[in-house]
C-alpha cells in the first residue's frame, strides 16, 4: 500500500550525492574560491553542474548546451573543474 502525497526518497546514489552537494552549496557550507575580478558567480557554476547532473551530460558538452538553450553566461568545463578542485568545506 502506497501513501498518498509522500514523495519517494532518492534511491540513486548519484542523485543523493547531487542533492547533498546542492543543498550544502546553497546554505554556504561549500564555498568556491573566487577573486574580486572573477567573471563567474557561484550561482552560474551551480546552474551548470545541476543541469549536467540532471541531464546526464559531461561538463564539457553540458555547459555549452546550457549556454545555447538559456543564453546565460555559463562557465566552461575547465573553469568548473578548476573551481571544484579549489573548493573548501
PDB file of N, CA and C in Angstrom:
ATOM      1  N   UNK A   1       0.844  -1.162   0.000  1.00  0.00           N
ATOM      2  CA  UNK A   1       0.000   0.000   0.000  1.00  0.00           C
ATOM      3  C   UNK A   1       0.901   1.239   0.000  1.00  0.00           C
ATOM      4  N   UNK A   2       0.600   2.173  -0.897  1.00  0.00           N
ATOM      5  CA  UNK A   2       1.415   3.371  -1.038  1.00  0.00           C
ATOM      6  C   UNK A   2       0.691   4.561  -0.418  1.00  0.00           C
ATOM      7  N   UNK A   3       1.415   5.333   0.360  1.00  0.00           N
ATOM      8  CA  UNK A   3       0.821   6.522   0.972  1.00  0.00           C
ATOM      9  C   UNK A   3       0.721   7.632  -0.068  1.00  0.00           C
ATOM     10  N   UNK A   4      -0.390   8.332  -0.044  1.00  0.00           N
ATOM     11  CA  UNK A   4      -0.580   9.422  -0.992  1.00  0.00           C
ATOM     12  C   UNK A   4       0.097  10.685  -0.485  1.00  0.00           C
ATOM     13  N   UNK A   5       0.609  11.472  -1.418  1.00  0.00           N
ATOM     14  CA  UNK A   5       1.186  12.759  -1.065  1.00  0.00           C
ATOM     15  C   UNK A   5       2.611  12.713  -0.552  1.00  0.00           C
ATOM     16  N   UNK A   6       3.207  11.546  -0.469  1.00  0.00           N
ATOM     17  CA  UNK A   6       4.582  11.439   0.012  1.00  0.00           C
ATOM     18  C   UNK A   6       5.477  11.140  -1.181  1.00  0.00           C
ATOM     19  N   UNK A   7       6.500  11.965  -1.349  1.00  0.00           N
ATOM     20  CA  UNK A   7       7.432  11.774  -2.454  1.00  0.00           C
ATOM     21  C   UNK A   7       8.399  10.646  -2.112  1.00  0.00           C
ATOM     22  N   UNK A   8       8.729   9.801  -3.090  1.00  0.00           N
ATOM     23  CA  UNK A   8       9.698   8.737  -2.819  1.00  0.00           C
ATOM     24  C   UNK A   8      11.085   9.318  -2.586  1.00  0.00           C
ATOM     25  N   UNK A   9      11.845   8.672  -1.732  1.00  0.00           N
ATOM     26  CA  UNK A   9      13.202   9.126  -1.458  1.00  0.00           C
ATOM     27  C   UNK A   9      14.103   8.760  -2.625  1.00  0.00           C
ATOM     28  N   UNK A  10      15.172   9.510  -2.770  1.00  0.00           N
ATOM     29  CA  UNK A  10      16.123   9.252  -3.841  1.00  0.00           C
ATOM     30  C   UNK A  10      16.910   7.990  -3.518  1.00  0.00           C
ATOM     31  N   UNK A  11      16.730   6.965  -4.323  1.00  0.00           N
ATOM     32  CA  UNK A  11      17.453   5.716  -4.117  1.00  0.00           C
ATOM     33  C   UNK A  11      18.776   5.708  -4.867  1.00  0.00           C
ATOM     34  N   UNK A  12      18.880   6.522  -5.875  1.00  0.00           N
ATOM     35  CA  UNK A  12      20.074   6.554  -6.688  1.00  0.00           C
ATOM     36  C   UNK A  12      21.200   7.257  -5.923  1.00  0.00           C
ATOM     37  N   UNK A  13      22.342   6.601  -5.830  1.00  0.00           N
ATOM     38  CA  UNK A  13      23.471   7.140  -5.067  1.00  0.00           C
ATOM     39  C   UNK A  13      23.935   8.481  -5.630  1.00  0.00           C
ATOM     40  N   UNK A  14      23.998   8.591  -6.947  1.00  0.00           N
ATOM     41  CA  UNK A  14      24.460   9.843  -7.539  1.00  0.00           C
ATOM     42  C   UNK A  14      23.465  10.972  -7.317  1.00  0.00           C
ATOM     43  N   UNK A  15      22.170  10.656  -7.308  1.00  0.00           N
ATOM     44  CA  UNK A  15      21.163  11.680  -7.051  1.00  0.00           C
ATOM     45  C   UNK A  15      21.249  12.175  -5.611  1.00  0.00           C
ATOM     46  N   UNK A  16      21.474  11.265  -4.678  1.00  0.00           N
ATOM     47  CA  UNK A  16      21.649  11.669  -3.282  1.00  0.00           C
ATOM     48  C   UNK A  16      22.885  12.550  -3.129  1.00  0.00           C
ATOM     49  N   UNK A  17      23.953  12.173  -3.841  1.00  0.00           N
ATOM     50  CA  UNK A  17      25.190  12.943  -3.781  1.00  0.00           C
ATOM     51  C   UNK A  17      24.972  14.352  -4.354  1.00  0.00           C
ATOM     52  N   UNK A  18      24.250  14.429  -5.455  1.00  0.00           N
ATOM     53  CA  UNK A  18      23.951  15.720  -6.061  1.00  0.00           C
ATOM     54  C   UNK A  18      23.109  16.574  -5.124  1.00  0.00           C
ATOM     55  N   UNK A  19      22.087  15.985  -4.524  1.00  0.00           N
ATOM     56  CA  UNK A  19      21.238  16.728  -3.593  1.00  0.00           C
ATOM     57  C   UNK A  19      22.047  17.257  -2.414  1.00  0.00           C
ATOM     58  N   UNK A  20      22.920  16.420  -1.873  1.00  0.00           N
ATOM     59  CA  UNK A  20      23.761  16.833  -0.755  1.00  0.00           C
ATOM     60  C   UNK A  20      24.660  18.004  -1.161  1.00  0.00           C
ATOM     61  N   UNK A  21      25.259  17.886  -2.344  1.00  0.00           N
ATOM     62  CA  UNK A  21      26.141  18.943  -2.832  1.00  0.00           C
ATOM     63  C   UNK A  21      25.369  20.248  -3.022  1.00  0.00           C
ATOM     64  N   UNK A  22      24.201  20.174  -3.684  1.00  0.00           N
ATOM     65  CA  UNK A  22      23.424  21.385  -3.968  1.00  0.00           C
ATOM     66  C   UNK A  22      22.968  22.075  -2.694  1.00  0.00           C
ATOM     67  N   UNK A  23      22.448  21.306  -1.746  1.00  0.00           N
ATOM     68  CA  UNK A  23      21.986  21.923  -0.505  1.00  0.00           C
ATOM     69  C   UNK A  23      23.154  22.484   0.302  1.00  0.00           C
ATOM     70  N   UNK A  24      24.280  21.796   0.314  1.00  0.00           N
ATOM     71  CA  UNK A  24      25.459  22.315   1.012  1.00  0.00           C
ATOM     72  C   UNK A  24      25.943  23.600   0.359  1.00  0.00           C
ATOM     73  N   UNK A  25      25.872  23.640  -0.958  1.00  0.00           N
ATOM     74  CA  UNK A  25      26.291  24.820  -1.700  1.00  0.00           C
ATOM     75  C   UNK A  25      25.364  25.994  -1.403  1.00  0.00           C
ATOM     76  N   UNK A  26      24.070  25.732  -1.394  1.00  0.00           N
ATOM     77  CA  UNK A  26      23.080  26.788  -1.189  1.00  0.00           C
ATOM     78  C   UNK A  26      23.165  27.374   0.214  1.00  0.00           C
ATOM     79  N   UNK A  27      23.389  26.538   1.218  1.00  0.00           N
ATOM     80  CA  UNK A  27      23.440  27.061   2.590  1.00  0.00           C
ATOM     81  C   UNK A  27      24.855  27.449   3.012  1.00  0.00           C
ATOM     82  N   UNK A  28      25.739  27.594   2.018  1.00  0.00           N
ATOM     83  CA  UNK A  28      27.100  28.117   2.212  1.00  0.00           C
ATOM     84  C   UNK A  28      28.011  27.231   3.044  1.00  0.00           C
ATOM     85  N   UNK A  29      27.789  25.935   3.037  1.00  0.00           N
ATOM     86  CA  UNK A  29      28.763  25.033   3.643  1.00  0.00           C
ATOM     87  C   UNK A  29      29.937  24.861   2.691  1.00  0.00           C
ATOM     88  N   UNK A  30      29.648  24.851   1.388  1.00  0.00           N
ATOM     89  CA  UNK A  30      30.694  24.759   0.374  1.00  0.00           C
ATOM     90  C   UNK A  30      30.866  26.140  -0.239  1.00  0.00           C
ATOM     91  N   UNK A  31      32.065  26.637  -0.261  1.00  0.00           N
ATOM     92  CA  UNK A  31      32.367  27.919  -0.887  1.00  0.00           C
ATOM     93  C   UNK A  31      33.399  27.693  -1.972  1.00  0.00           C
ATOM     94  N   UNK A  32      33.291  28.446  -3.034  1.00  0.00           N
ATOM     95  CA  UNK A  32      34.300  28.408  -4.074  1.00  0.00           C
ATOM     96  C   UNK A  32      35.229  29.591  -3.884  1.00  0.00           C
ATOM     97  N   UNK A  33      36.515  29.350  -4.098  1.00  0.00           N
ATOM     98  CA  UNK A  33      37.474  30.444  -4.063  1.00  0.00           C
ATOM     99  C   UNK A  33      37.258  31.278  -5.315  1.00  0.00           C
ATOM    100  N   UNK A  34      37.070  32.530  -5.149  1.00  0.00           N
ATOM    101  CA  UNK A  34      36.945  33.398  -6.317  1.00  0.00           C
ATOM    102  C   UNK A  34      37.584  34.741  -6.000  1.00  0.00           C
ATOM    103  N   UNK A  35      38.160  35.313  -7.004  1.00  0.00           N
ATOM    104  CA  UNK A  35      38.778  36.623  -6.854  1.00  0.00           C
ATOM    105  C   UNK A  35      37.723  37.704  -7.006  1.00  0.00           C
ATOM    106  N   UNK A  36      38.090  38.906  -6.622  1.00  0.00           N
ATOM    107  CA  UNK A  36      37.155  40.021  -6.764  1.00  0.00           C
ATOM    108  C   UNK A  36      36.831  40.286  -8.227  1.00  0.00           C
ATOM    109  N   UNK A  37      37.763  39.991  -9.107  1.00  0.00           N
ATOM    110  CA  UNK A  37      37.542  40.227 -10.527  1.00  0.00           C
ATOM    111  C   UNK A  37      37.088  38.961 -11.257  1.00  0.00           C
ATOM    112  N   UNK A  38      36.533  38.024 -10.533  1.00  0.00           N
ATOM    113  CA  UNK A  38      36.077  36.772 -11.128  1.00  0.00           C
ATOM    114  C   UNK A  38      34.925  37.029 -12.097  1.00  0.00           C
ATOM    115  N   UNK A  39      34.942  36.338 -13.212  1.00  0.00           N
ATOM    116  CA  UNK A  39      33.913  36.528 -14.236  1.00  0.00           C
ATOM    117  C   UNK A  39      32.615  35.842 -13.833  1.00  0.00           C
ATOM    118  N   UNK A  40      32.715  34.666 -13.240  1.00  0.00           N
ATOM    119  CA  UNK A  40      31.530  33.862 -12.939  1.00  0.00           C
ATOM    120  C   UNK A  40      31.220  33.863 -11.452  1.00  0.00           C
ATOM    121  N   UNK A  41      29.946  33.960 -11.138  1.00  0.00           N
ATOM    122  CA  UNK A  41      29.472  33.871  -9.765  1.00  0.00           C
ATOM    123  C   UNK A  41      29.185  32.406  -9.428  1.00  0.00           C
ATOM    124  N   UNK A  42      29.028  32.118  -8.146  1.00  0.00           N
ATOM    125  CA  UNK A  42      28.754  30.752  -7.706  1.00  0.00           C
ATOM    126  C   UNK A  42      27.455  30.207  -8.282  1.00  0.00           C
ATOM    127  N   UNK A  43      26.455  31.074  -8.452  1.00  0.00           N
ATOM    128  CA  UNK A  43      25.167  30.625  -8.974  1.00  0.00           C
ATOM    129  C   UNK A  43      25.291  30.089 -10.395  1.00  0.00           C
ATOM    130  N   UNK A  44      26.147  30.703 -11.197  1.00  0.00           N
ATOM    131  CA  UNK A  44      26.328  30.257 -12.573  1.00  0.00           C
ATOM    132  C   UNK A  44      27.012  28.894 -12.615  1.00  0.00           C
ATOM    133  N   UNK A  45      27.939  28.672 -11.712  1.00  0.00           N
ATOM    134  CA  UNK A  45      28.600  27.373 -11.637  1.00  0.00           C
ATOM    135  C   UNK A  45      27.603  26.312 -11.191  1.00  0.00           C
ATOM    136  N   UNK A  46      26.775  26.652 -10.214  1.00  0.00           N
ATOM    137  CA  UNK A  46      25.762  25.715  -9.725  1.00  0.00           C
ATOM    138  C   UNK A  46      24.763  25.358 -10.819  1.00  0.00           C
ATOM    139  N   UNK A  47      24.364  26.323 -11.638  1.00  0.00           N
ATOM    140  CA  UNK A  47      23.445  26.048 -12.745  1.00  0.00           C
ATOM    141  C   UNK A  47      24.046  25.018 -13.693  1.00  0.00           C
ATOM    142  N   UNK A  48      25.310  25.210 -14.038  1.00  0.00           N
ATOM    143  CA  UNK A  48      25.965  24.283 -14.958  1.00  0.00           C
ATOM    144  C   UNK A  48      26.091  22.885 -14.394  1.00  0.00           C
ATOM    145  N   UNK A  49      26.511  22.777 -13.143  1.00  0.00           N
ATOM    146  CA  UNK A  49      26.673  21.468 -12.505  1.00  0.00           C
ATOM    147  C   UNK A  49      25.334  20.759 -12.378  1.00  0.00           C
ATOM    148  N   UNK A  50      24.306  21.496 -11.958  1.00  0.00           N
ATOM    149  CA  UNK A  50      22.988  20.899 -11.774  1.00  0.00           C
ATOM    150  C   UNK A  50      22.405  20.442 -13.104  1.00  0.00           C
ATOM    151  N   UNK A  51      22.515  21.264 -14.136  1.00  0.00           N
ATOM    152  CA  UNK A  51      21.998  20.892 -15.455  1.00  0.00           C
ATOM    153  C   UNK A  51      22.672  19.626 -15.962  1.00  0.00           C
ATOM    154  N   UNK A  52      23.988  19.570 -15.861  1.00  0.00           N
ATOM    155  CA  UNK A  52      24.724  18.399 -16.348  1.00  0.00           C
ATOM    156  C   UNK A  52      24.349  17.149 -15.558  1.00  0.00           C
ATOM    157  N   UNK A  53      24.152  17.288 -14.265  1.00  0.00           N
ATOM    158  CA  UNK A  53      23.797  16.135 -13.438  1.00  0.00           C
ATOM    159  C   UNK A  53      22.404  15.626 -13.763  1.00  0.00           C
ATOM    160  N   UNK A  54      21.461  16.533 -13.913  1.00  0.00           N
ATOM    161  CA  UNK A  54      20.086  16.123 -14.195  1.00  0.00           C
ATOM    162  C   UNK A  54      19.969  15.514 -15.581  1.00  0.00           C
ATOM    163  N   UNK A  55      20.633  16.098 -16.561  1.00  0.00           N
ATOM    164  CA  UNK A  55      20.542  15.614 -17.937  1.00  0.00           C
ATOM    165  C   UNK A  55      21.498  14.459 -18.228  1.00  0.00           C
ATOM    166  N   UNK A  56      22.374  14.136 -17.297  1.00  0.00           N
ATOM    167  CA  UNK A  56      23.319  13.043 -17.504  1.00  0.00           C
ATOM    168  C   UNK A  56      24.392  13.382 -18.521  1.00  0.00           C
ATOM    169  N   UNK A  57      24.805  14.625 -18.563  1.00  0.00           N
ATOM    170  CA  UNK A  57      25.816  15.069 -19.521  1.00  0.00           C
ATOM    171  C   UNK A  57      27.151  15.294 -18.815  1.00  0.00           C
ATOM    172  N   UNK A  58      28.207  15.227 -19.594  1.00  0.00           N
ATOM    173  CA  UNK A  58      29.516  15.621 -19.089  1.00  0.00           C
ATOM    174  C   UNK A  58      29.588  17.140 -19.085  1.00  0.00           C
ATOM    175  N   UNK A  59      30.442  17.687 -18.242  1.00  0.00           N
ATOM    176  CA  UNK A  59      30.563  19.146 -18.175  1.00  0.00           C
ATOM    177  C   UNK A  59      31.015  19.748 -19.501  1.00  0.00           C
ATOM    178  N   UNK A  60      31.827  19.012 -20.247  1.00  0.00           N
ATOM    179  CA  UNK A  60      32.375  19.538 -21.491  1.00  0.00           C
ATOM    180  C   UNK A  60      31.285  19.933 -22.484  1.00  0.00           C
ATOM    181  N   UNK A  61      30.283  19.076 -22.666  1.00  0.00           N
ATOM    182  CA  UNK A  61      29.231  19.419 -23.621  1.00  0.00           C
ATOM    183  C   UNK A  61      27.978  19.954 -22.936  1.00  0.00           C
ATOM    184  N   UNK A  62      27.794  19.660 -21.665  1.00  0.00           N
ATOM    185  CA  UNK A  62      26.608  20.127 -20.954  1.00  0.00           C
ATOM    186  C   UNK A  62      26.597  21.625 -20.733  1.00  0.00           C
ATOM    187  N   UNK A  63      27.748  22.187 -20.385  1.00  0.00           N
ATOM    188  CA  UNK A  63      27.814  23.634 -20.158  1.00  0.00           C
ATOM    189  C   UNK A  63      27.577  24.399 -21.457  1.00  0.00           C
ATOM    190  N   UNK A  64      28.126  23.882 -22.557  1.00  0.00           N
ATOM    191  CA  UNK A  64      27.897  24.529 -23.852  1.00  0.00           C
ATOM    192  C   UNK A  64      26.422  24.470 -24.230  1.00  0.00           C
ATOM    193  N   UNK A  65      25.799  23.309 -24.003  1.00  0.00           N
ATOM    194  CA  UNK A  65      24.382  23.151 -24.340  1.00  0.00           C
ATOM    195  C   UNK A  65      23.503  24.064 -23.489  1.00  0.00           C
ATOM    196  N   UNK A  66      23.784  24.165 -22.212  1.00  0.00           N
ATOM    197  CA  UNK A  66      23.005  25.039 -21.336  1.00  0.00           C
ATOM    198  C   UNK A  66      23.128  26.495 -21.772  1.00  0.00           C
ATOM    199  N   UNK A  67      24.319  26.888 -22.175  1.00  0.00           N
ATOM    200  CA  UNK A  67      24.511  28.261 -22.639  1.00  0.00           C
ATOM    201  C   UNK A  67      23.726  28.518 -23.926  1.00  0.00           C
ATOM    202  N   UNK A  68      23.675  27.514 -24.818  1.00  0.00           N
ATOM    203  CA  UNK A  68      22.890  27.648 -26.048  1.00  0.00           C
ATOM    204  C   UNK A  68      21.402  27.786 -25.752  1.00  0.00           C
ATOM    205  N   UNK A  69      20.912  26.987 -24.817  1.00  0.00           N
ATOM    206  CA  UNK A  69      19.483  26.972 -24.505  1.00  0.00           C
ATOM    207  C   UNK A  69      19.058  28.250 -23.789  1.00  0.00           C
ATOM    208  N   UNK A  70      19.805  28.653 -22.777  1.00  0.00           N
ATOM    209  CA  UNK A  70      19.356  29.720 -21.884  1.00  0.00           C
ATOM    210  C   UNK A  70      19.912  31.097 -22.216  1.00  0.00           C
ATOM    211  N   UNK A  71      20.983  31.170 -22.976  1.00  0.00           N
ATOM    212  CA  UNK A  71      21.661  32.434 -23.290  1.00  0.00           C
ATOM    213  C   UNK A  71      22.250  33.113 -22.050  1.00  0.00           C
ATOM    214  N   UNK A  72      22.412  32.351 -20.952  1.00  0.00           N
ATOM    215  CA  UNK A  72      23.103  32.859 -19.770  1.00  0.00           C
ATOM    216  C   UNK A  72      24.594  32.680 -19.976  1.00  0.00           C
ATOM    217  N   UNK A  73      25.384  33.427 -19.228  1.00  0.00           N
ATOM    218  CA  UNK A  73      26.824  33.170 -19.278  1.00  0.00           C
ATOM    219  C   UNK A  73      27.114  32.019 -18.316  1.00  0.00           C
ATOM    220  N   UNK A  74      27.576  30.930 -18.856  1.00  0.00           N
ATOM    221  CA  UNK A  74      27.859  29.711 -18.103  1.00  0.00           C
ATOM    222  C   UNK A  74      29.347  29.412 -18.257  1.00  0.00           C
ATOM    223  N   UNK A  75      30.033  29.078 -17.181  1.00  0.00           N
ATOM    224  CA  UNK A  75      31.463  28.767 -17.297  1.00  0.00           C
ATOM    225  C   UNK A  75      31.695  27.479 -18.084  1.00  0.00           C
ATOM    226  N   UNK A  76      32.830  27.411 -18.740  1.00  0.00           N
ATOM    227  CA  UNK A  76      33.162  26.186 -19.458  1.00  0.00           C
ATOM    228  C   UNK A  76      33.647  25.123 -18.470  1.00  0.00           C
ATOM    229  N   UNK A  77      33.851  23.928 -18.979  1.00  0.00           N
ATOM    230  CA  UNK A  77      34.195  22.789 -18.120  1.00  0.00           C
ATOM    231  C   UNK A  77      35.512  23.008 -17.378  1.00  0.00           C
ATOM    232  N   UNK A  78      36.496  23.600 -18.038  1.00  0.00           N
ATOM    233  CA  UNK A  78      37.786  23.834 -17.383  1.00  0.00           C
ATOM    234  C   UNK A  78      37.649  24.749 -16.170  1.00  0.00           C
ATOM    235  N   UNK A  79      36.829  25.776 -16.306  1.00  0.00           N
ATOM    236  CA  UNK A  79      36.607  26.695 -15.188  1.00  0.00           C
ATOM    237  C   UNK A  79      35.927  25.986 -14.030  1.00  0.00           C
ATOM    238  N   UNK A  80      34.915  25.169 -14.344  1.00  0.00           N
ATOM    239  CA  UNK A  80      34.196  24.443 -13.295  1.00  0.00           C
ATOM    240  C   UNK A  80      35.130  23.474 -12.588  1.00  0.00           C
ATOM    241  N   UNK A  81      35.921  22.719 -13.354  1.00  0.00           N
ATOM    242  CA  UNK A  81      36.856  21.773 -12.744  1.00  0.00           C
ATOM    243  C   UNK A  81      37.883  22.498 -11.871  1.00  0.00           C
ATOM    244  N   UNK A  82      38.371  23.640 -12.331  1.00  0.00           N
ATOM    245  CA  UNK A  82      39.337  24.406 -11.546  1.00  0.00           C
ATOM    246  C   UNK A  82      38.728  24.867 -10.234  1.00  0.00           C
ATOM    247  N   UNK A  83      37.495  25.371 -10.297  1.00  0.00           N
ATOM    248  CA  UNK A  83      36.822  25.824  -9.077  1.00  0.00           C
ATOM    249  C   UNK A  83      36.528  24.657  -8.144  1.00  0.00           C
ATOM    250  N   UNK A  84      36.116  23.517  -8.703  1.00  0.00           N
ATOM    251  CA  UNK A  84      35.834  22.352  -7.861  1.00  0.00           C
ATOM    252  C   UNK A  84      37.089  21.847  -7.163  1.00  0.00           C
ATOM    253  N   UNK A  85      38.224  21.903  -7.843  1.00  0.00           N
ATOM    254  CA  UNK A  85      39.480  21.475  -7.228  1.00  0.00           C
ATOM    255  C   UNK A  85      39.919  22.408  -6.107  1.00  0.00           C
ATOM    256  N   UNK A  86      39.481  23.659  -6.152  1.00  0.00           N
ATOM    257  CA  UNK A  86      39.864  24.630  -5.131  1.00  0.00           C
ATOM    258  C   UNK A  86      38.825  24.774  -4.031  1.00  0.00           C
ATOM    259  N   UNK A  87      37.736  24.017  -4.096  1.00  0.00           N
ATOM    260  CA  UNK A  87      36.651  24.212  -3.126  1.00  0.00           C
ATOM    261  C   UNK A  87      37.107  23.840  -1.726  1.00  0.00           C
ATOM    262  N   UNK A  88      36.496  24.491  -0.752  1.00  0.00           N
ATOM    263  CA  UNK A  88      36.785  24.165   0.643  1.00  0.00           C
ATOM    264  C   UNK A  88      35.472  23.867   1.349  1.00  0.00           C
ATOM    265  N   UNK A  89      35.541  23.054   2.365  1.00  0.00           N
ATOM    266  CA  UNK A  89      34.334  22.671   3.097  1.00  0.00           C
ATOM    267  C   UNK A  89      34.342  23.306   4.457  1.00  0.00           C
TER     268      UNK A  89
END
